[in-house]
Amino acid sequence: MMVQKSAEDILNELQLITEEAVAQLNLLEEEELLKLSENRERLVNEFQCHKASLTPQNRQQIEYILSFDKMIVKRMQFLKDEAAAWLQRRGSAKQQLNAYQQQYAADSWFIDHRN
């Protein structure tokens, strides 16, 4: 049987993992950001039963925690853009390589036009 955590315990844990992540944000890779996201989601789900009894301190702490979201999303977007650029470069290189690896008939000509 799981003991239900208090709103303060949940928010404190949420704040701790968020602050730790932001402190090393530029070093975090996709897997670590995914784990952070999953942990935060789990805590937010645990917190749902406390929503009706929020204190002003709880609200203030939630606002503080949310203040880091833009930075976290910015890092996620950076990694997404970096991965997209890598895939595009890989696709372009593969396309160029394929042009030279085509199978041609023995009596055909291949003319390479370089600029």
PDB file of N, CA and C in Angstrom:
ATOM      1  N   MET A   1       0.830  -1.180   0.000  1.00  0.00           N
ATOM      2  CA  MET A   1       0.000   0.000   0.000  1.00  0.00           C
ATOM      3  C   MET A   1       0.877   1.248   0.000  1.00  0.00           C
ATOM      4  N   MET A   2       0.588   2.177  -0.918  1.00  0.00           N
ATOM      5  CA  MET A   2       1.359   3.406  -1.010  1.00  0.00           C
ATOM      6  C   MET A   2       0.761   4.481  -0.118  1.00  0.00           C
ATOM      7  N   VAL A   3       1.627   5.134   0.627  1.00  0.00           N
ATOM      8  CA  VAL A   3       1.185   6.238   1.469  1.00  0.00           C
ATOM      9  C   VAL A   3       1.144   7.494   0.605  1.00  0.00           C
ATOM     10  N   GLN A   4       0.059   8.222   0.705  1.00  0.00           N
ATOM     11  CA  GLN A   4      -0.093   9.431  -0.095  1.00  0.00           C
ATOM     12  C   GLN A   4       0.818  10.528   0.450  1.00  0.00           C
ATOM     13  N   LYS A   5       1.576  11.144  -0.446  1.00  0.00           N
ATOM     14  CA  LYS A   5       2.468  12.232  -0.054  1.00  0.00           C
ATOM     15  C   LYS A   5       1.659  13.508   0.128  1.00  0.00           C
ATOM     16  N   SER A   6       2.183  14.389   0.957  1.00  0.00           N
ATOM     17  CA  SER A   6       1.532  15.692   1.135  1.00  0.00           C
ATOM     18  C   SER A   6       1.831  16.573  -0.078  1.00  0.00           C
ATOM     19  N   ALA A   7       1.030  17.597  -0.244  1.00  0.00           N
ATOM     20  CA  ALA A   7       1.239  18.545  -1.346  1.00  0.00           C
ATOM     21  C   ALA A   7       2.627  19.166  -1.239  1.00  0.00           C
ATOM     22  N   GLU A   8       3.043  19.488  -0.025  1.00  0.00           N
ATOM     23  CA  GLU A   8       4.352  20.110   0.188  1.00  0.00           C
ATOM     24  C   GLU A   8       5.480  19.171  -0.212  1.00  0.00           C
ATOM     25  N   ASP A   9       5.359  17.884   0.156  1.00  0.00           N
ATOM     26  CA  ASP A   9       6.393  16.908  -0.208  1.00  0.00           C
ATOM     27  C   ASP A   9       6.513  16.778  -1.726  1.00  0.00           C
ATOM     28  N   ILE A  10       5.377  16.715  -2.393  1.00  0.00           N
ATOM     29  CA  ILE A  10       5.370  16.573  -3.853  1.00  0.00           C
ATOM     30  C   ILE A  10       5.987  17.811  -4.501  1.00  0.00           C
ATOM     31  N   LEU A  11       5.559  18.989  -4.061  1.00  0.00           N
ATOM     32  CA  LEU A  11       6.090  20.226  -4.639  1.00  0.00           C
ATOM     33  C   LEU A  11       7.579  20.384  -4.352  1.00  0.00           C
ATOM     34  N   ASN A  12       8.005  19.998  -3.154  1.00  0.00           N
ATOM     35  CA  ASN A  12       9.429  20.093  -2.823  1.00  0.00           C
ATOM     36  C   ASN A  12      10.264  19.174  -3.718  1.00  0.00           C
ATOM     37  N   GLU A  13       9.763  17.962  -3.950  1.00  0.00           N
ATOM     38  CA  GLU A  13      10.470  17.030  -4.840  1.00  0.00           C
ATOM     39  C   GLU A  13      10.489  17.560  -6.271  1.00  0.00           C
ATOM     40  N   LEU A  14       9.368  18.087  -6.708  1.00  0.00           N
ATOM     41  CA  LEU A  14       9.269  18.668  -8.045  1.00  0.00           C
ATOM     42  C   LEU A  14      10.237  19.840  -8.193  1.00  0.00           C
ATOM     43  N   GLN A  15      10.286  20.678  -7.190  1.00  0.00           N
ATOM     44  CA  GLN A  15      11.199  21.827  -7.220  1.00  0.00           C
ATOM     45  C   GLN A  15      12.651  21.352  -7.247  1.00  0.00           C
ATOM     46  N   LEU A  16      12.984  20.362  -6.437  1.00  0.00           N
ATOM     47  CA  LEU A  16      14.353  19.856  -6.361  1.00  0.00           C
ATOM     48  C   LEU A  16      14.823  19.297  -7.697  1.00  0.00           C
ATOM     49  N   ILE A  17      14.028  18.417  -8.319  1.00  0.00           N
ATOM     50  CA  ILE A  17      14.472  17.825  -9.588  1.00  0.00           C
ATOM     51  C   ILE A  17      14.534  18.874 -10.695  1.00  0.00           C
ATOM     52  N   THR A  18      13.663  19.864 -10.630  1.00  0.00           N
ATOM     53  CA  THR A  18      13.671  20.935 -11.628  1.00  0.00           C
ATOM     54  C   THR A  18      14.910  21.803 -11.470  1.00  0.00           C
ATOM     55  N   GLU A  19      15.206  22.211 -10.238  1.00  0.00           N
ATOM     56  CA  GLU A  19      16.391  23.048 -10.000  1.00  0.00           C
ATOM     57  C   GLU A  19      17.685  22.311 -10.341  1.00  0.00           C
ATOM     58  N   GLU A  20      17.749  21.026  -9.991  1.00  0.00           N
ATOM     59  CA  GLU A  20      18.945  20.242 -10.320  1.00  0.00           C
ATOM     60  C   GLU A  20      19.143  20.154 -11.832  1.00  0.00           C
ATOM     61  N   ALA A  21      18.057  19.947 -12.552  1.00  0.00           N
ATOM     62  CA  ALA A  21      18.140  19.850 -14.009  1.00  0.00           C
ATOM     63  C   ALA A  21      18.573  21.180 -14.617  1.00  0.00           C
ATOM     64  N   VAL A  22      17.996  22.269 -14.154  1.00  0.00           N
ATOM     65  CA  VAL A  22      18.320  23.587 -14.708  1.00  0.00           C
ATOM     66  C   VAL A  22      19.774  23.959 -14.408  1.00  0.00           C
ATOM     67  N   ALA A  23      20.291  23.524 -13.265  1.00  0.00           N
ATOM     68  CA  ALA A  23      21.675  23.824 -12.896  1.00  0.00           C
ATOM     69  C   ALA A  23      22.671  23.224 -13.887  1.00  0.00           C
ATOM     70  N   GLN A  24      22.290  22.132 -14.521  1.00  0.00           N
ATOM     71  CA  GLN A  24      23.183  21.494 -15.497  1.00  0.00           C
ATOM     72  C   GLN A  24      22.509  21.357 -16.863  1.00  0.00           C
ATOM     73  N   LEU A  25      21.626  22.270 -17.156  1.00  0.00           N
ATOM     74  CA  LEU A  25      20.772  22.180 -18.341  1.00  0.00           C
ATOM     75  C   LEU A  25      21.545  22.009 -19.644  1.00  0.00           C
ATOM     76  N   ASN A  26      22.617  22.762 -19.840  1.00  0.00           N
ATOM     77  CA  ASN A  26      23.355  22.683 -21.098  1.00  0.00           C
ATOM     78  C   ASN A  26      24.115  21.383 -21.267  1.00  0.00           C
ATOM     79  N   LEU A  27      24.187  20.576 -20.214  1.00  0.00           N
ATOM     80  CA  LEU A  27      24.864  19.284 -20.294  1.00  0.00           C
ATOM     81  C   LEU A  27      23.885  18.134 -20.503  1.00  0.00           C
ATOM     82  N   LEU A  28      22.610  18.393 -20.274  1.00  0.00           N
ATOM     83  CA  LEU A  28      21.606  17.334 -20.364  1.00  0.00           C
ATOM     84  C   LEU A  28      21.369  16.921 -21.812  1.00  0.00           C
ATOM     85  N   GLU A  29      21.283  15.611 -22.011  1.00  0.00           N
ATOM     86  CA  GLU A  29      20.995  15.062 -23.326  1.00  0.00           C
ATOM     87  C   GLU A  29      19.525  14.622 -23.371  1.00  0.00           C
ATOM     88  N   GLU A  30      19.104  14.106 -24.522  1.00  0.00           N
ATOM     89  CA  GLU A  30      17.698  13.750 -24.733  1.00  0.00           C
ATOM     90  C   GLU A  30      17.163  12.794 -23.669  1.00  0.00           C
ATOM     91  N   GLU A  31      17.941  11.751 -23.368  1.00  0.00           N
ATOM     92  CA  GLU A  31      17.474  10.740 -22.420  1.00  0.00           C
ATOM     93  C   GLU A  31      17.232  11.331 -21.036  1.00  0.00           C
ATOM     94  N   GLU A  32      18.139  12.212 -20.621  1.00  0.00           N
ATOM     95  CA  GLU A  32      18.010  12.833 -19.297  1.00  0.00           C
ATOM     96  C   GLU A  32      16.811  13.785 -19.252  1.00  0.00           C
ATOM     97  N   LEU A  33      16.595  14.499 -20.344  1.00  0.00           N
ATOM     98  CA  LEU A  33      15.436  15.388 -20.404  1.00  0.00           C
ATOM     99  C   LEU A  33      14.142  14.594 -20.434  1.00  0.00           C
ATOM    100  N   LEU A  34      14.153  13.467 -21.102  1.00  0.00           N
ATOM    101  CA  LEU A  34      12.981  12.596 -21.131  1.00  0.00           C
ATOM    102  C   LEU A  34      12.682  12.078 -19.724  1.00  0.00           C
ATOM    103  N   LYS A  35      13.729  11.657 -19.018  1.00  0.00           N
ATOM    104  CA  LYS A  35      13.557  11.159 -17.649  1.00  0.00           C
ATOM    105  C   LYS A  35      13.021  12.270 -16.737  1.00  0.00           C
ATOM    106  N   LEU A  36      13.558  13.479 -16.889  1.00  0.00           N
ATOM    107  CA  LEU A  36      13.075  14.626 -16.115  1.00  0.00           C
ATOM    108  C   LEU A  36      11.600  14.857 -16.398  1.00  0.00           C
ATOM    109  N   SER A  37      11.242  14.849 -17.659  1.00  0.00           N
ATOM    110  CA  SER A  37       9.852  15.066 -18.053  1.00  0.00           C
ATOM    111  C   SER A  37       8.924  14.008 -17.463  1.00  0.00           C
ATOM    112  N   GLU A  38       9.359  12.765 -17.518  1.00  0.00           N
ATOM    113  CA  GLU A  38       8.548  11.674 -16.959  1.00  0.00           C
ATOM    114  C   GLU A  38       8.405  11.807 -15.445  1.00  0.00           C
ATOM    115  N   ASN A  39       9.497  12.154 -14.764  1.00  0.00           N
ATOM    116  CA  ASN A  39       9.435  12.332 -13.303  1.00  0.00           C
ATOM    117  C   ASN A  39       8.530  13.499 -12.922  1.00  0.00           C
ATOM    118  N   ARG A  40       8.634  14.585 -13.670  1.00  0.00           N
ATOM    119  CA  ARG A  40       7.777  15.739 -13.382  1.00  0.00           C
ATOM    120  C   ARG A  40       6.309  15.386 -13.627  1.00  0.00           C
ATOM    121  N   GLU A  41       6.038  14.667 -14.694  1.00  0.00           N
ATOM    122  CA  GLU A  41       4.661  14.266 -14.992  1.00  0.00           C
ATOM    123  C   GLU A  41       4.103  13.373 -13.882  1.00  0.00           C
ATOM    124  N   ARG A  42       4.923  12.440 -13.421  1.00  0.00           N
ATOM    125  CA  ARG A  42       4.501  11.545 -12.334  1.00  0.00           C
ATOM    126  C   ARG A  42       4.147  12.361 -11.079  1.00  0.00           C
ATOM    127  N   LEU A  43       4.986  13.329 -10.747  1.00  0.00           N
ATOM    128  CA  LEU A  43       4.728  14.157  -9.560  1.00  0.00           C
ATOM    129  C   LEU A  43       3.485  15.025  -9.734  1.00  0.00           C
ATOM    130  N   VAL A  44       3.312  15.569 -10.920  1.00  0.00           N
ATOM    131  CA  VAL A  44       2.116  16.384 -11.180  1.00  0.00           C
ATOM    132  C   VAL A  44       0.862  15.523 -11.049  1.00  0.00           C
ATOM    133  N   ASN A  45       0.926  14.288 -11.539  1.00  0.00           N
ATOM    134  CA  ASN A  45      -0.219  13.380 -11.401  1.00  0.00           C
ATOM    135  C   ASN A  45      -0.488  13.058  -9.936  1.00  0.00           C
ATOM    136  N   GLU A  46       0.567  12.859  -9.164  1.00  0.00           N
ATOM    137  CA  GLU A  46       0.405  12.604  -7.728  1.00  0.00           C
ATOM    138  C   GLU A  46      -0.229  13.808  -7.029  1.00  0.00           C
ATOM    139  N   PHE A  47       0.079  14.981  -7.535  1.00  0.00           N
ATOM    140  CA  PHE A  47      -0.387  16.223  -6.920  1.00  0.00           C
ATOM    141  C   PHE A  47      -1.872  16.499  -7.181  1.00  0.00           C
ATOM    142  N   GLN A  48      -2.440  15.885  -8.192  1.00  0.00           N
ATOM    143  CA  GLN A  48      -3.818  16.173  -8.617  1.00  0.00           C
ATOM    144  C   GLN A  48      -4.828  16.119  -7.469  1.00  0.00           C
ATOM    145  N   CYS A  49      -4.670  15.179  -6.562  1.00  0.00           N
ATOM    146  CA  CYS A  49      -5.636  15.047  -5.468  1.00  0.00           C
ATOM    147  C   CYS A  49      -5.544  16.200  -4.460  1.00  0.00           C
ATOM    148  N   HIS A  50      -4.500  17.004  -4.544  1.00  0.00           N
ATOM    149  CA  HIS A  50      -4.316  18.134  -3.619  1.00  0.00           C
ATOM    150  C   HIS A  50      -4.771  19.470  -4.219  1.00  0.00           C
ATOM    151  N   LYS A  51      -5.169  19.457  -5.480  1.00  0.00           N
ATOM    152  CA  LYS A  51      -5.496  20.718  -6.161  1.00  0.00           C
ATOM    153  C   LYS A  51      -6.571  21.528  -5.442  1.00  0.00           C
ATOM    154  N   ALA A  52      -7.542  20.872  -4.882  1.00  0.00           N
ATOM    155  CA  ALA A  52      -8.659  21.582  -4.245  1.00  0.00           C
ATOM    156  C   ALA A  52      -8.233  22.299  -2.962  1.00  0.00           C
ATOM    157  N   SER A  53      -7.153  21.867  -2.362  1.00  0.00           N
ATOM    158  CA  SER A  53      -6.746  22.455  -1.074  1.00  0.00           C
ATOM    159  C   SER A  53      -5.411  23.195  -1.149  1.00  0.00           C
ATOM    160  N   LEU A  54      -5.173  23.866  -2.264  1.00  0.00           N
ATOM    161  CA  LEU A  54      -3.917  24.610  -2.427  1.00  0.00           C
ATOM    162  C   LEU A  54      -3.852  25.796  -1.473  1.00  0.00           C
ATOM    163  N   THR A  55      -2.680  25.985  -0.905  1.00  0.00           N
ATOM    164  CA  THR A  55      -2.444  27.153  -0.054  1.00  0.00           C
ATOM    165  C   THR A  55      -1.772  28.228  -0.909  1.00  0.00           C
ATOM    166  N   PRO A  56      -1.761  29.462  -0.443  1.00  0.00           N
ATOM    167  CA  PRO A  56      -1.034  30.512  -1.185  1.00  0.00           C
ATOM    168  C   PRO A  56       0.451  30.155  -1.357  1.00  0.00           C
ATOM    169  N   GLN A  57       1.035  29.499  -0.355  1.00  0.00           N
ATOM    170  CA  GLN A  57       2.441  29.086  -0.469  1.00  0.00           C
ATOM    171  C   GLN A  57       2.613  28.040  -1.565  1.00  0.00           C
ATOM    172  N   ASN A  58       1.656  27.110  -1.660  1.00  0.00           N
ATOM    173  CA  ASN A  58       1.695  26.101  -2.730  1.00  0.00           C
ATOM    174  C   ASN A  58       1.656  26.783  -4.094  1.00  0.00           C
ATOM    175  N   ARG A  59       0.748  27.739  -4.230  1.00  0.00           N
ATOM    176  CA  ARG A  59       0.610  28.450  -5.510  1.00  0.00           C
ATOM    177  C   ARG A  59       1.897  29.189  -5.873  1.00  0.00           C
ATOM    178  N   GLN A  60       2.494  29.804  -4.900  1.00  0.00           N
ATOM    179  CA  GLN A  60       3.741  30.528  -5.129  1.00  0.00           C
ATOM    180  C   GLN A  60       4.862  29.563  -5.543  1.00  0.00           C
ATOM    181  N   GLN A  61       4.921  28.421  -4.899  1.00  0.00           N
ATOM    182  CA  GLN A  61       5.935  27.424  -5.232  1.00  0.00           C
ATOM    183  C   GLN A  61       5.709  26.867  -6.642  1.00  0.00           C
ATOM    184  N   ILE A  62       4.462  26.648  -6.997  1.00  0.00           N
ATOM    185  CA  ILE A  62       4.143  26.158  -8.346  1.00  0.00           C
ATOM    186  C   ILE A  62       4.587  27.184  -9.393  1.00  0.00           C
ATOM    187  N   GLU A  63       4.309  28.458  -9.157  1.00  0.00           N
ATOM    188  CA  GLU A  63       4.733  29.509 -10.088  1.00  0.00           C
ATOM    189  C   GLU A  63       6.250  29.526 -10.225  1.00  0.00           C
ATOM    190  N   TYR A  64       6.941  29.359  -9.099  1.00  0.00           N
ATOM    191  CA  TYR A  64       8.403  29.330  -9.117  1.00  0.00           C
ATOM    192  C   TYR A  64       8.898  28.152  -9.966  1.00  0.00           C
ATOM    193  N   ILE A  65       8.332  26.980  -9.760  1.00  0.00           N
ATOM    194  CA  ILE A  65       8.730  25.786 -10.513  1.00  0.00           C
ATOM    195  C   ILE A  65       8.463  25.989 -12.007  1.00  0.00           C
ATOM    196  N   LEU A  66       7.299  26.554 -12.312  1.00  0.00           N
ATOM    197  CA  LEU A  66       6.937  26.785 -13.721  1.00  0.00           C
ATOM    198  C   LEU A  66       7.833  27.824 -14.395  1.00  0.00           C
ATOM    199  N   SER A  67       8.459  28.676 -13.598  1.00  0.00           N
ATOM    200  CA  SER A  67       9.317  29.719 -14.173  1.00  0.00           C
ATOM    201  C   SER A  67      10.520  29.124 -14.914  1.00  0.00           C
ATOM    202  N   PHE A  68      10.856  27.879 -14.647  1.00  0.00           N
ATOM    203  CA  PHE A  68      11.988  27.230 -15.313  1.00  0.00           C
ATOM    204  C   PHE A  68      11.595  26.537 -16.610  1.00  0.00           C
ATOM    205  N   ASP A  69      10.311  26.409 -16.856  1.00  0.00           N
ATOM    206  CA  ASP A  69       9.856  25.634 -18.017  1.00  0.00           C
ATOM    207  C   ASP A  69      10.357  26.172 -19.347  1.00  0.00           C
ATOM    208  N   LYS A  70      10.410  27.497 -19.496  1.00  0.00           N
ATOM    209  CA  LYS A  70      10.874  28.067 -20.771  1.00  0.00           C
ATOM    210  C   LYS A  70      12.314  27.647 -21.068  1.00  0.00           C
ATOM    211  N   MET A  71      13.148  27.645 -20.045  1.00  0.00           N
ATOM    212  CA  MET A  71      14.547  27.240 -20.233  1.00  0.00           C
ATOM    213  C   MET A  71      14.646  25.765 -20.614  1.00  0.00           C
ATOM    214  N   ILE A  72      13.858  24.940 -19.959  1.00  0.00           N
ATOM    215  CA  ILE A  72      13.880  23.499 -20.227  1.00  0.00           C
ATOM    216  C   ILE A  72      13.383  23.224 -21.648  1.00  0.00           C
ATOM    217  N   VAL A  73      12.299  23.872 -22.023  1.00  0.00           N
ATOM    218  CA  VAL A  73      11.746  23.693 -23.380  1.00  0.00           C
ATOM    219  C   VAL A  73      12.743  24.198 -24.423  1.00  0.00           C
ATOM    220  N   LYS A  74      13.439  25.291 -24.122  1.00  0.00           N
ATOM    221  CA  LYS A  74      14.440  25.829 -25.052  1.00  0.00           C
ATOM    222  C   LYS A  74      15.555  24.808 -25.284  1.00  0.00           C
ATOM    223  N   ARG A  75      15.998  24.132 -24.220  1.00  0.00           N
ATOM    224  CA  ARG A  75      17.042  23.104 -24.362  1.00  0.00           C
ATOM    225  C   ARG A  75      16.512  21.931 -25.183  1.00  0.00           C
ATOM    226  N   MET A  76      15.273  21.532 -24.940  1.00  0.00           N
ATOM    227  CA  MET A  76      14.676  20.442 -25.705  1.00  0.00           C
ATOM    228  C   MET A  76      14.596  20.800 -27.184  1.00  0.00           C
ATOM    229  N   GLN A  77      14.204  22.036 -27.469  1.00  0.00           N
ATOM    230  CA  GLN A  77      14.102  22.495 -28.856  1.00  0.00           C
ATOM    231  C   GLN A  77      15.476  22.512 -29.522  1.00  0.00           C
ATOM    232  N   PHE A  78      16.487  22.951 -28.776  1.00  0.00           N
ATOM    233  CA  PHE A  78      17.854  22.965 -29.304  1.00  0.00           C
ATOM    234  C   PHE A  78      18.281  21.554 -29.707  1.00  0.00           C
ATOM    235  N   LEU A  79      18.051  20.585 -28.826  1.00  0.00           N
ATOM    236  CA  LEU A  79      18.430  19.200 -29.121  1.00  0.00           C
ATOM    237  C   LEU A  79      17.626  18.642 -30.292  1.00  0.00           C
ATOM    238  N   LYS A  80      16.362  19.025 -30.375  1.00  0.00           N
ATOM    239  CA  LYS A  80      15.523  18.581 -31.493  1.00  0.00           C
ATOM    240  C   LYS A  80      16.063  19.148 -32.809  1.00  0.00           C
ATOM    241  N   ASP A  81      16.389  20.435 -32.812  1.00  0.00           N
ATOM    242  CA  ASP A  81      16.919  21.068 -34.017  1.00  0.00           C
ATOM    243  C   ASP A  81      18.267  20.468 -34.415  1.00  0.00           C
ATOM    244  N   GLU A  82      19.088  20.190 -33.415  1.00  0.00           N
ATOM    245  CA  GLU A  82      20.395  19.577 -33.661  1.00  0.00           C
ATOM    246  C   GLU A  82      20.226  18.198 -34.300  1.00  0.00           C
ATOM    247  N   ALA A  83      19.297  17.415 -33.784  1.00  0.00           N
ATOM    248  CA  ALA A  83      19.044  16.080 -34.343  1.00  0.00           C
ATOM    249  C   ALA A  83      18.499  16.178 -35.760  1.00  0.00           C
ATOM    250  N   ALA A  84      17.619  17.122 -36.004  1.00  0.00           N
ATOM    251  CA  ALA A  84      17.047  17.303 -37.343  1.00  0.00           C
ATOM    252  C   ALA A  84      18.135  17.688 -38.342  1.00  0.00           C
ATOM    253  N   ALA A  85      19.036  18.578 -37.921  1.00  0.00           N
ATOM    254  CA  ALA A  85      20.130  18.994 -38.802  1.00  0.00           C
ATOM    255  C   ALA A  85      21.044  17.809 -39.107  1.00  0.00           C
ATOM    256  N   TRP A  86      21.317  16.990 -38.102  1.00  0.00           N
ATOM    257  CA  TRP A  86      22.157  15.803 -38.307  1.00  0.00           C
ATOM    258  C   TRP A  86      21.498  14.850 -39.295  1.00  0.00           C
ATOM    259  N   LEU A  87      20.203  14.625 -39.124  1.00  0.00           N
ATOM    260  CA  LEU A  87      19.488  13.732 -40.045  1.00  0.00           C
ATOM    261  C   LEU A  87      19.500  14.283 -41.465  1.00  0.00           C
ATOM    262  N   GLN A  88      19.364  15.592 -41.594  1.00  0.00           N
ATOM    263  CA  GLN A  88      19.370  16.206 -42.918  1.00  0.00           C
ATOM    264  C   GLN A  88      20.748  16.051 -43.570  1.00  0.00           C
ATOM    265  N   ARG A  89      21.820  16.282 -42.781  1.00  0.00           N
ATOM    266  CA  ARG A  89      23.176  16.114 -43.310  1.00  0.00           C
ATOM    267  C   ARG A  89      23.421  14.657 -43.712  1.00  0.00           C
ATOM    268  N   ARG A  90      22.957  13.746 -42.884  1.00  0.00           N
ATOM    269  CA  ARG A  90      23.127  12.312 -43.152  1.00  0.00           C
ATOM    270  C   ARG A  90      22.389  11.922 -44.430  1.00  0.00           C
ATOM    271  N   GLY A  91      21.164  12.425 -44.576  1.00  0.00           N
ATOM    272  CA  GLY A  91      20.383  12.125 -45.770  1.00  0.00           C
ATOM    273  C   GLY A  91      21.029  12.677 -47.021  1.00  0.00           C
ATOM    274  N   SER A  92      21.574  13.885 -46.919  1.00  0.00           N
ATOM    275  CA  SER A  92      22.238  14.518 -48.057  1.00  0.00           C
ATOM    276  C   SER A  92      23.500  13.745 -48.443  1.00  0.00           C
ATOM    277  N   ALA A  93      24.277  13.346 -47.451  1.00  0.00           N
ATOM    278  CA  ALA A  93      25.496  12.584 -47.726  1.00  0.00           C
ATOM    279  C   ALA A  93      25.152  11.236 -48.344  1.00  0.00           C
ATOM    280  N   LYS A  94      24.098  10.610 -47.842  1.00  0.00           N
ATOM    281  CA  LYS A  94      23.673   9.304 -48.364  1.00  0.00           C
ATOM    282  C   LYS A  94      23.231   9.445 -49.823  1.00  0.00           C
ATOM    283  N   GLN A  95      22.523  10.528 -50.120  1.00  0.00           N
ATOM    284  CA  GLN A  95      22.052  10.774 -51.481  1.00  0.00           C
ATOM    285  C   GLN A  95      23.238  10.963 -52.424  1.00  0.00           C
ATOM    286  N   GLN A  96      24.239  11.715 -51.982  1.00  0.00           N
ATOM    287  CA  GLN A  96      25.431  11.932 -52.810  1.00  0.00           C
ATOM    288  C   GLN A  96      26.185  10.629 -53.028  1.00  0.00           C
ATOM    289  N   LEU A  97      26.293   9.832 -51.978  1.00  0.00           N
ATOM    290  CA  LEU A  97      26.986   8.560 -52.063  1.00  0.00           C
ATOM    291  C   LEU A  97      26.260   7.617 -53.024  1.00  0.00           C
ATOM    292  N   ASN A  98      24.949   7.595 -52.939  1.00  0.00           N
ATOM    293  CA  ASN A  98      24.163   6.723 -53.820  1.00  0.00           C
ATOM    294  C   ASN A  98      24.369   7.071 -55.290  1.00  0.00           C
ATOM    295  N   ALA A  99      24.557   8.345 -55.586  1.00  0.00           N
ATOM    296  CA  ALA A  99      24.761   8.755 -56.976  1.00  0.00           C
ATOM    297  C   ALA A  99      26.017   8.121 -57.551  1.00  0.00           C
ATOM    298  N   TYR A 100      27.025   7.919 -56.724  1.00  0.00           N
ATOM    299  CA  TYR A 100      28.273   7.322 -57.193  1.00  0.00           C
ATOM    300  C   TYR A 100      28.264   5.804 -57.114  1.00  0.00           C
ATOM    301  N   GLN A 101      27.308   5.241 -56.411  1.00  0.00           N
ATOM    302  CA  GLN A 101      27.276   3.797 -56.249  1.00  0.00           C
ATOM    303  C   GLN A 101      26.220   3.127 -57.131  1.00  0.00           C
ATOM    304  N   GLN A 102      25.680   3.866 -58.069  1.00  0.00           N
ATOM    305  CA  GLN A 102      24.671   3.293 -58.965  1.00  0.00           C
ATOM    306  C   GLN A 102      25.303   2.168 -59.782  1.00  0.00           C
ATOM    307  N   GLN A 103      24.498   1.183 -60.055  1.00  0.00           N
ATOM    308  CA  GLN A 103      24.946   0.089 -60.924  1.00  0.00           C
ATOM    309  C   GLN A 103      24.673   0.497 -62.372  1.00  0.00           C
ATOM    310  N   TYR A 104      25.689   0.478 -63.168  1.00  0.00           N
ATOM    311  CA  TYR A 104      25.536   0.850 -64.570  1.00  0.00           C
ATOM    312  C   TYR A 104      25.871  -0.348 -65.454  1.00  0.00           C
ATOM    313  N   ALA A 105      25.309  -0.329 -66.625  1.00  0.00           N
ATOM    314  CA  ALA A 105      25.620  -1.382 -67.601  1.00  0.00           C
ATOM    315  C   ALA A 105      27.085  -1.241 -68.017  1.00  0.00           C
ATOM    316  N   ALA A 106      27.705  -2.326 -68.378  1.00  0.00           N
ATOM    317  CA  ALA A 106      29.136  -2.326 -68.706  1.00  0.00           C
ATOM    318  C   ALA A 106      29.468  -1.400 -69.877  1.00  0.00           C
ATOM    319  N   ASP A 107      28.533  -1.225 -70.799  1.00  0.00           N
ATOM    320  CA  ASP A 107      28.824  -0.397 -71.961  1.00  0.00           C
ATOM    321  C   ASP A 107      28.268   1.029 -71.832  1.00  0.00           C
ATOM    322  N   SER A 108      27.866   1.436 -70.607  1.00  0.00           N
ATOM    323  CA  SER A 108      27.330   2.793 -70.432  1.00  0.00           C
ATOM    324  C   SER A 108      28.430   3.746 -69.993  1.00  0.00           C
ATOM    325  N   TRP A 109      28.113   5.034 -70.082  1.00  0.00           N
ATOM    326  CA  TRP A 109      29.050   6.085 -69.691  1.00  0.00           C
ATOM    327  C   TRP A 109      28.518   6.793 -68.458  1.00  0.00           C
ATOM    328  N   PHE A 110      29.434   7.161 -67.600  1.00  0.00           N
ATOM    329  CA  PHE A 110      29.078   7.982 -66.435  1.00  0.00           C
ATOM    330  C   PHE A 110      29.908   9.258 -66.511  1.00  0.00           C
ATOM    331  N   ILE A 111      29.226  10.373 -66.597  1.00  0.00           N
ATOM    332  CA  ILE A 111      29.940  11.664 -66.685  1.00  0.00           C
ATOM    333  C   ILE A 111      29.645  12.436 -65.411  1.00  0.00           C
ATOM    334  N   ASP A 112      30.691  12.806 -64.715  1.00  0.00           N
ATOM    335  CA  ASP A 112      30.578  13.550 -63.459  1.00  0.00           C
ATOM    336  C   ASP A 112      30.811  15.025 -63.784  1.00  0.00           C
ATOM    337  N   HIS A 113      29.780  15.826 -63.642  1.00  0.00           N
ATOM    338  CA  HIS A 113      29.882  17.269 -63.891  1.00  0.00           C
ATOM    339  C   HIS A 113      30.159  17.958 -62.582  1.00  0.00           C
ATOM    340  N   ARG A 114      31.351  18.466 -62.412  1.00  0.00           N
ATOM    341  CA  ARG A 114      31.704  19.195 -61.188  1.00  0.00           C
ATOM    342  C   ARG A 114      31.816  20.669 -61.513  1.00  0.00           C
ATOM    343  N   ASN A 115      31.335  21.478 -60.609  1.00  0.00           N
ATOM    344  CA  ASN A 115      31.376  22.930 -60.818  1.00  0.00           C
ATOM    345  C   ASN A 115      32.548  23.520 -60.100  1.00  0.00           C
TER     346      ASN A 115
END
